[in-house]
């Protein structure tokens, strides 16, 4: 999981796909953290992406870094613990502090479970890991 975390941090921007009914939706994300041995992402509970992950937790993340890319399939599980939000803010304060506060009633975190990550290259090489 740490390799996935580092890769997504190196990407800077990665893309999260969710389902909105029968329609896929993709949007850029940029904050990721490790807490309690799990990989976390963050969003605002007023956004459609929050409702989509709550309703249909299967997500896919993709990003590119130095000519390689990652495809990460997982279930996004909502974590309401303040400690998880604190960990996300601590790991991403520079990016998140202008948008959120830990107790603002907007910031929400999800951890990824039953995840499969494929690290891919144009050469055709693929490395798979699960967590």
Protein backbone atom coordinates (compact mmCIF):
# COMPACT_ATOMS: atom_id res chain seq x y z
CA UNK A 1 0.00 0.00 0.00
CA UNK A 2 2.87 2.40 0.72
CA UNK A 3 4.01 2.05 -2.90
CA UNK A 4 0.53 3.12 -4.08
CA UNK A 5 0.51 6.04 -1.64
CA UNK A 6 3.93 7.25 -2.83
CA UNK A 7 2.96 6.86 -6.47
CA UNK A 8 -0.25 8.90 -6.05
CA UNK A 9 1.64 11.57 -4.10
CA UNK A 10 4.19 11.77 -6.93
CA UNK A 11 1.40 12.12 -9.50
CA UNK A 12 0.19 15.26 -7.79
CA UNK A 13 -3.12 15.05 -9.60
CA UNK A 14 -4.87 11.73 -10.06
CA UNK A 15 -8.36 10.97 -11.31
CA UNK A 16 -11.20 9.32 -9.41
CA UNK A 17 -14.03 7.60 -11.27
CA UNK A 18 -17.40 6.96 -9.64
CA UNK A 19 -20.82 5.91 -10.88
CA UNK A 20 -23.76 8.32 -11.09
CA UNK A 21 -26.62 5.97 -11.84
CA UNK A 22 -25.48 4.30 -15.05
CA UNK A 23 -23.09 7.11 -15.99
CA UNK A 24 -19.40 7.14 -15.02
CA UNK A 25 -18.05 10.39 -13.59
CA UNK A 26 -14.37 11.30 -13.41
CA UNK A 27 -12.78 14.19 -11.60
CA UNK A 28 -9.29 15.27 -10.46
CA UNK A 29 -8.15 14.67 -6.88
CA UNK A 30 -4.84 15.58 -5.32
CA UNK A 31 -4.82 14.60 -1.64
CA UNK A 32 -4.09 11.14 -0.33
CA UNK A 33 -2.89 9.89 3.04
CA UNK A 34 -2.18 6.81 5.09
CA UNK A 35 -3.94 6.38 8.41
CA UNK A 36 -4.49 3.33 10.57
CA UNK A 37 -2.81 1.17 7.91
CA UNK A 38 -5.25 2.30 5.18
CA UNK A 39 -5.10 4.57 2.16
CA UNK A 40 -7.44 7.59 2.40
CA UNK A 41 -8.88 10.18 0.02
CA UNK A 42 -10.85 13.31 0.93
CA UNK A 43 -13.82 15.23 -0.45
CA UNK A 44 -16.54 17.69 0.52
CA UNK A 45 -19.90 16.29 1.63
CA UNK A 46 -21.70 18.89 -0.49
CA UNK A 47 -20.25 17.49 -3.72
CA UNK A 48 -21.90 14.88 -5.91
CA UNK A 49 -18.82 12.66 -5.63
CA UNK A 50 -19.51 12.24 -1.90
CA UNK A 51 -23.07 11.02 -2.54
CA UNK A 52 -21.89 8.79 -5.39
CA UNK A 53 -19.29 7.03 -3.23
CA UNK A 54 -21.78 6.60 -0.38
CA UNK A 55 -24.37 5.10 -2.76
CA UNK A 56 -22.01 3.02 -4.89
CA UNK A 57 -18.63 2.58 -3.17
CA UNK A 58 -16.76 0.93 -6.04
CA UNK A 59 -14.30 3.44 -7.48
CA UNK A 60 -11.32 3.52 -9.78
CA UNK A 61 -8.33 5.85 -9.58
CA UNK A 62 -5.87 6.53 -12.38
CA UNK A 63 -2.80 8.71 -12.58
CA UNK A 64 0.44 9.08 -14.53
CA UNK A 65 3.98 9.68 -13.35
CA UNK A 66 7.21 9.64 -15.37
CA UNK A 67 5.80 7.67 -18.31
CA UNK A 68 4.03 5.07 -16.17
CA UNK A 69 0.47 4.95 -14.90
CA UNK A 70 -1.60 3.37 -12.18
CA UNK A 71 -5.09 1.90 -12.26
CA UNK A 72 -6.48 1.32 -8.79
CA UNK A 73 -9.82 -0.42 -8.24
CA UNK A 74 -11.25 -0.33 -4.72
CA UNK A 75 -14.22 0.16 -2.46
CA UNK A 76 -14.38 3.62 -0.87
CA UNK A 77 -15.50 3.31 2.75
CA UNK A 78 -16.64 6.44 4.56
CA UNK A 79 -14.79 7.03 7.84
CA UNK A 80 -16.46 9.53 10.16
CA UNK A 81 -13.69 9.54 12.77
CA UNK A 82 -12.16 12.90 13.53
CA UNK A 83 -8.76 11.23 13.85
CA UNK A 84 -8.92 10.15 10.21
CA UNK A 85 -9.70 13.71 9.12
CA UNK A 86 -6.82 15.01 11.26
CA UNK A 87 -4.45 12.52 9.61
CA UNK A 88 -5.58 13.63 6.15
CA UNK A 89 -5.17 17.31 7.03
CA UNK A 90 -1.76 16.72 8.59
CA UNK A 91 -0.51 14.87 5.51
CA UNK A 92 -1.93 17.44 3.06
CA UNK A 93 -2.11 20.70 5.00
CA UNK A 94 -0.60 22.81 2.21
CA UNK A 95 -3.30 21.67 -0.24
CA UNK A 96 -6.30 21.25 2.05
CA UNK A 97 -6.05 24.09 4.58
CA UNK A 98 -7.50 26.64 2.15
CA UNK A 99 -10.54 24.41 1.53
CA UNK A 100 -11.24 22.57 4.77
CA UNK A 101 -10.95 22.52 8.52
CA UNK A 102 -11.10 19.23 10.41
CA UNK A 103 -14.32 20.21 12.22
CA UNK A 104 -16.00 22.27 9.47
CA UNK A 105 -18.80 19.74 8.86
CA UNK A 106 -17.73 19.62 5.17
CA UNK A 107 -14.51 17.59 5.11
CA UNK A 108 -15.10 13.85 4.66
CA UNK A 109 -12.61 11.03 4.27
CA UNK A 110 -12.89 7.60 2.71
CA UNK A 111 -10.45 4.72 2.96
CA UNK A 112 -9.90 2.24 0.15
CA UNK A 113 -10.45 -1.45 0.83
CA UNK A 114 -10.35 -4.59 -1.31
CA UNK A 115 -8.00 -2.66 -3.58
CA UNK A 116 -6.12 -3.87 -6.63
CA UNK A 117 -3.47 -1.60 -8.10
CA UNK A 118 -1.91 -2.14 -11.50
CA UNK A 119 1.31 -0.23 -12.21
CA UNK A 120 1.65 -0.07 -15.98
CA UNK A 121 4.24 1.06 -18.52
CA UNK A 122 4.19 1.59 -22.29
CA UNK A 123 6.66 -1.28 -22.56
CA UNK A 124 3.80 -3.58 -21.62
CA UNK A 125 5.08 -4.37 -18.16
CA UNK A 126 2.45 -4.50 -15.44
CA UNK A 127 2.94 -4.98 -11.73
CA UNK A 128 -0.14 -5.87 -9.65
CA UNK A 129 -0.60 -5.47 -5.94
CA UNK A 130 -3.58 -5.90 -3.64
CA UNK A 131 -4.33 -4.46 -0.25
